[in-house]
Amino acid sequence: MSDEKSAGFSEQERAAMKERAAELKKQSSRGRGDKAAAAELDVLSKIAEMEPSDRAVAERIHAIVTSTAPDLAPKLWYGQPAYARKGKVVCFFRSGNVDKERYSSFGFTTEANLDDLSGLWPTSYAVTELTEKAEETLTALIKQAVS
C-alpha cells in the first residue's frame, strides 16, 4: 500500500496544514489592536523553539527583515516565520530542521517585487549561515522585494 500512502500528504505536510489552520483560527479570534503585537510574539516564540543553528539564522533574518522593511508585518505561515504586507506574505523563513531538510531556506512569494528583465530569477535561497556577504545580499533582496 505504499502507492496509496505516497499519493496523499506526508505527516509533515499534514502537520503544517494543521498549524496553518490553528494560525488562522488564532488570528480571527484576536482584536484588531492586538493582532500585530501578538503575531510578532508568535513568530519570536516559534524562532525560540528552533534548534540552535536554525534559531541563530532565524533571529538574524528576523532582525534584517524588520529593520530593512519595517512595513512588513511578522506572522506565522504554515508554522514558520513570514513577513507580510497588507496580510499577504512577501517573504518567509523555513527551518531545515523542522522540515527535515539538510538546510534552511529563505524565500519570496509572488507578492515580492523581484521580477527581472531576463525572465529568470531565484525566489528561494538555501541558508546554512549568514555571512556578512549573505546579509548584504539578503538586505538588498528584501529592499527590492518591497520596492
C-alpha atoms as a PDB file:
ATOM      1  CA  MET A   1       0.000   0.000   0.000  1.00  0.00           C
ATOM      2  CA  SER A   2       2.990   2.346  -0.312  1.00  0.00           C
ATOM      3  CA  ASP A   3       1.490   3.759  -3.546  1.00  0.00           C
ATOM      4  CA  GLU A   4      -1.625   4.710  -1.611  1.00  0.00           C
ATOM      5  CA  LYS A   5       0.462   6.432   1.053  1.00  0.00           C
ATOM      6  CA  SER A   6       2.607   8.345  -1.468  1.00  0.00           C
ATOM      7  CA  ALA A   7      -0.478   9.747  -3.205  1.00  0.00           C
ATOM      8  CA  GLY A   8      -1.583  11.615  -0.037  1.00  0.00           C
ATOM      9  CA  PHE A   9       0.030  14.201   2.148  1.00  0.00           C
ATOM     10  CA  SER A  10       3.072  13.314   4.220  1.00  0.00           C
ATOM     11  CA  GLU A  11       2.975  13.508   8.012  1.00  0.00           C
ATOM     12  CA  GLN A  12       4.977  16.781   7.832  1.00  0.00           C
ATOM     13  CA  GLU A  13       2.560  18.273   5.302  1.00  0.00           C
ATOM     14  CA  ARG A  14      -0.456  17.341   7.423  1.00  0.00           C
ATOM     15  CA  ALA A  15       1.220  18.871  10.494  1.00  0.00           C
ATOM     16  CA  ALA A  16       1.957  22.098   8.567  1.00  0.00           C
ATOM     17  CA  MET A  17      -1.662  22.302   7.400  1.00  0.00           C
ATOM     18  CA  LYS A  18      -2.914  21.807  10.957  1.00  0.00           C
ATOM     19  CA  GLU A  19      -0.577  24.561  12.173  1.00  0.00           C
ATOM     20  CA  ARG A  20      -1.818  26.880   9.424  1.00  0.00           C
ATOM     21  CA  ALA A  21      -5.449  26.204  10.353  1.00  0.00           C
ATOM     22  CA  ALA A  22      -4.646  26.928  14.013  1.00  0.00           C
ATOM     23  CA  GLU A  23      -2.856  30.157  12.989  1.00  0.00           C
ATOM     24  CA  LEU A  24      -5.890  31.337  11.030  1.00  0.00           C
ATOM     25  CA  LYS A  25      -8.235  30.489  13.890  1.00  0.00           C
ATOM     26  CA  LYS A  26      -5.992  32.306  16.380  1.00  0.00           C
ATOM     27  CA  GLN A  27      -5.751  35.381  14.119  1.00  0.00           C
ATOM     28  CA  SER A  28      -9.511  35.602  13.656  1.00  0.00           C
ATOM     29  CA  SER A  29     -10.133  35.491  17.414  1.00  0.00           C
ATOM     30  CA  ARG A  30      -7.844  38.440  18.204  1.00  0.00           C
ATOM     31  CA  GLY A  31      -8.919  42.043  18.394  1.00  0.00           C
ATOM     32  CA  ARG A  32      -7.506  44.376  15.738  1.00  0.00           C
ATOM     33  CA  GLY A  33      -5.169  46.259  18.081  1.00  0.00           C
ATOM     34  CA  ASP A  34      -3.649  43.076  19.482  1.00  0.00           C
ATOM     35  CA  LYS A  35      -3.040  41.278  16.202  1.00  0.00           C
ATOM     36  CA  ALA A  36       0.275  42.817  15.129  1.00  0.00           C
ATOM     37  CA  ALA A  37       1.969  42.521  18.505  1.00  0.00           C
ATOM     38  CA  ALA A  38       0.598  39.030  19.083  1.00  0.00           C
ATOM     39  CA  ALA A  39       1.634  37.898  15.597  1.00  0.00           C
ATOM     40  CA  GLU A  40       5.205  39.083  16.177  1.00  0.00           C
ATOM     41  CA  LEU A  41       5.229  37.354  19.550  1.00  0.00           C
ATOM     42  CA  ASP A  42       4.071  34.150  17.804  1.00  0.00           C
ATOM     43  CA  VAL A  43       6.969  34.454  15.342  1.00  0.00           C
ATOM     44  CA  LEU A  44       9.521  35.095  18.084  1.00  0.00           C
ATOM     45  CA  SER A  45       8.165  32.156  20.088  1.00  0.00           C
ATOM     46  CA  LYS A  46       8.418  29.874  17.059  1.00  0.00           C
ATOM     47  CA  ILE A  47      12.005  31.019  16.461  1.00  0.00           C
ATOM     48  CA  ALA A  48      12.850  30.354  20.128  1.00  0.00           C
ATOM     49  CA  GLU A  49      11.646  26.747  19.715  1.00  0.00           C
ATOM     50  CA  MET A  50      14.046  26.070  16.826  1.00  0.00           C
ATOM     51  CA  GLU A  51      17.248  24.072  17.045  1.00  0.00           C
ATOM     52  CA  PRO A  52      20.197  26.354  17.949  1.00  0.00           C
ATOM     53  CA  SER A  53      21.661  26.505  14.415  1.00  0.00           C
ATOM     54  CA  ASP A  54      18.313  27.432  12.814  1.00  0.00           C
ATOM     55  CA  ARG A  55      17.415  29.731  15.697  1.00  0.00           C
ATOM     56  CA  ALA A  56      20.575  31.817  15.197  1.00  0.00           C
ATOM     57  CA  VAL A  57      19.858  32.207  11.478  1.00  0.00           C
ATOM     58  CA  ALA A  58      16.129  32.885  12.009  1.00  0.00           C
ATOM     59  CA  GLU A  59      16.820  35.510  14.685  1.00  0.00           C
ATOM     60  CA  ARG A  60      19.258  37.309  12.397  1.00  0.00           C
ATOM     61  CA  ILE A  61      16.870  37.116   9.430  1.00  0.00           C
ATOM     62  CA  HIS A  62      14.056  38.470  11.614  1.00  0.00           C
ATOM     63  CA  ALA A  63      16.255  41.419  12.598  1.00  0.00           C
ATOM     64  CA  ILE A  64      17.260  42.071   8.977  1.00  0.00           C
ATOM     65  CA  VAL A  65      13.693  41.919   7.641  1.00  0.00           C
ATOM     66  CA  THR A  66      12.152  44.040  10.377  1.00  0.00           C
ATOM     67  CA  SER A  67      14.844  46.723  10.121  1.00  0.00           C
ATOM     68  CA  THR A  68      15.065  46.725   6.307  1.00  0.00           C
ATOM     69  CA  ALA A  69      11.315  46.606   5.674  1.00  0.00           C
ATOM     70  CA  PRO A  70       9.507  47.834   8.796  1.00  0.00           C
ATOM     71  CA  ASP A  71       6.217  47.942   6.875  1.00  0.00           C
ATOM     72  CA  LEU A  72       6.253  44.130   6.616  1.00  0.00           C
ATOM     73  CA  ALA A  73       4.352  42.515   9.466  1.00  0.00           C
ATOM     74  CA  PRO A  74       5.771  39.345  11.056  1.00  0.00           C
ATOM     75  CA  LYS A  75       3.351  36.425  11.127  1.00  0.00           C
ATOM     76  CA  LEU A  76       3.365  32.657  11.152  1.00  0.00           C
ATOM     77  CA  TRP A  77       2.790  30.996   7.807  1.00  0.00           C
ATOM     78  CA  TYR A  78       2.491  27.212   7.757  1.00  0.00           C
ATOM     79  CA  GLY A  79       4.065  27.224  11.216  1.00  0.00           C
ATOM     80  CA  GLN A  80       7.163  29.150  10.130  1.00  0.00           C
ATOM     81  CA  PRO A  81       8.224  32.832  10.330  1.00  0.00           C
ATOM     82  CA  ALA A  82       6.966  35.014   7.489  1.00  0.00           C
ATOM     83  CA  TYR A  83       6.618  38.709   6.734  1.00  0.00           C
ATOM     84  CA  ALA A  84       3.532  40.185   5.089  1.00  0.00           C
ATOM     85  CA  ARG A  85       2.308  43.399   3.513  1.00  0.00           C
ATOM     86  CA  LYS A  86      -1.438  44.054   3.807  1.00  0.00           C
ATOM     87  CA  GLY A  87      -1.926  40.490   5.010  1.00  0.00           C
ATOM     88  CA  LYS A  88      -0.135  38.865   2.047  1.00  0.00           C
ATOM     89  CA  VAL A  89       3.169  37.095   2.684  1.00  0.00           C
ATOM     90  CA  VAL A  90       6.114  38.634   0.833  1.00  0.00           C
ATOM     91  CA  CYS A  91       8.975  36.571   2.295  1.00  0.00           C
ATOM     92  CA  PHE A  92       9.442  33.685   4.691  1.00  0.00           C
ATOM     93  CA  PHE A  93      11.968  31.513   6.524  1.00  0.00           C
ATOM     94  CA  ARG A  94      11.752  27.714   6.530  1.00  0.00           C
ATOM     95  CA  SER A  95      13.667  25.794   9.203  1.00  0.00           C
ATOM     96  CA  GLY A  96      15.615  22.918   7.716  1.00  0.00           C
ATOM     97  CA  ASN A  97      15.429  21.014  10.990  1.00  0.00           C
ATOM     98  CA  VAL A  98      11.656  21.404  11.243  1.00  0.00           C
ATOM     99  CA  ASP A  99      11.235  20.432   7.582  1.00  0.00           C
ATOM    100  CA  LYS A 100      13.754  17.577   7.980  1.00  0.00           C
ATOM    101  CA  GLU A 101      15.878  19.014   5.177  1.00  0.00           C
ATOM    102  CA  ARG A 102      19.638  19.427   5.100  1.00  0.00           C
ATOM    103  CA  TYR A 103      19.412  23.210   5.009  1.00  0.00           C
ATOM    104  CA  SER A 104      17.011  26.001   5.896  1.00  0.00           C
ATOM    105  CA  SER A 105      15.694  28.382   3.284  1.00  0.00           C
ATOM    106  CA  PHE A 106      14.576  31.961   2.854  1.00  0.00           C
ATOM    107  CA  GLY A 107      12.089  32.596   0.096  1.00  0.00           C
ATOM    108  CA  PHE A 108       9.826  35.114  -1.568  1.00  0.00           C
ATOM    109  CA  THR A 109       6.260  34.788  -2.785  1.00  0.00           C
ATOM    110  CA  THR A 110       4.768  36.323  -5.920  1.00  0.00           C
ATOM    111  CA  GLU A 111       3.940  39.381  -3.771  1.00  0.00           C
ATOM    112  CA  ALA A 112       7.656  40.281  -3.820  1.00  0.00           C
ATOM    113  CA  ASN A 113       8.840  42.736  -6.440  1.00  0.00           C
ATOM    114  CA  LEU A 114      11.746  40.623  -7.686  1.00  0.00           C
ATOM    115  CA  ASP A 115      10.879  40.421 -11.367  1.00  0.00           C
ATOM    116  CA  ASP A 116      13.978  40.560 -13.535  1.00  0.00           C
ATOM    117  CA  LEU A 117      14.092  41.640 -17.164  1.00  0.00           C
ATOM    118  CA  SER A 118      15.970  38.438 -18.044  1.00  0.00           C
ATOM    119  CA  GLY A 119      12.794  36.456 -17.389  1.00  0.00           C
ATOM    120  CA  LEU A 120      14.541  34.238 -14.821  1.00  0.00           C
ATOM    121  CA  TRP A 121      15.192  34.970 -11.149  1.00  0.00           C
ATOM    122  CA  PRO A 122      15.530  32.959  -7.947  1.00  0.00           C
ATOM    123  CA  THR A 123      12.730  33.062  -5.401  1.00  0.00           C
ATOM    124  CA  SER A 124      14.232  30.849  -2.698  1.00  0.00           C
ATOM    125  CA  TYR A 125      17.678  30.595  -1.162  1.00  0.00           C
ATOM    126  CA  ALA A 126      19.358  27.859   0.873  1.00  0.00           C
ATOM    127  CA  VAL A 127      20.644  29.238   4.181  1.00  0.00           C
ATOM    128  CA  THR A 128      23.172  27.442   6.356  1.00  0.00           C
ATOM    129  CA  GLU A 129      24.773  30.529   7.889  1.00  0.00           C
ATOM    130  CA  LEU A 130      24.640  34.266   7.407  1.00  0.00           C
ATOM    131  CA  THR A 131      27.997  35.661   6.454  1.00  0.00           C
ATOM    132  CA  GLU A 132      28.454  39.401   6.017  1.00  0.00           C
ATOM    133  CA  LYS A 133      28.078  38.999   2.239  1.00  0.00           C
ATOM    134  CA  ALA A 134      24.949  36.855   2.660  1.00  0.00           C
ATOM    135  CA  GLU A 135      23.429  39.511   4.940  1.00  0.00           C
ATOM    136  CA  GLU A 136      24.192  42.218   2.358  1.00  0.00           C
ATOM    137  CA  THR A 137      22.580  40.128  -0.393  1.00  0.00           C
ATOM    138  CA  LEU A 138      19.536  39.379   1.762  1.00  0.00           C
ATOM    139  CA  THR A 139      19.139  43.051   2.675  1.00  0.00           C
ATOM    140  CA  ALA A 140      19.284  44.088  -0.985  1.00  0.00           C
ATOM    141  CA  LEU A 141      16.732  41.424  -1.975  1.00  0.00           C
ATOM    142  CA  ILE A 142      14.334  42.483   0.777  1.00  0.00           C
ATOM    143  CA  LYS A 143      14.647  46.141  -0.261  1.00  0.00           C
ATOM    144  CA  GLN A 144      13.879  45.168  -3.871  1.00  0.00           C
ATOM    145  CA  ALA A 145      11.008  42.906  -2.799  1.00  0.00           C
ATOM    146  CA  VAL A 146       9.196  45.757  -1.056  1.00  0.00           C
ATOM    147  CA  SER A 147      10.040  48.489  -3.588  1.00  0.00           C
END
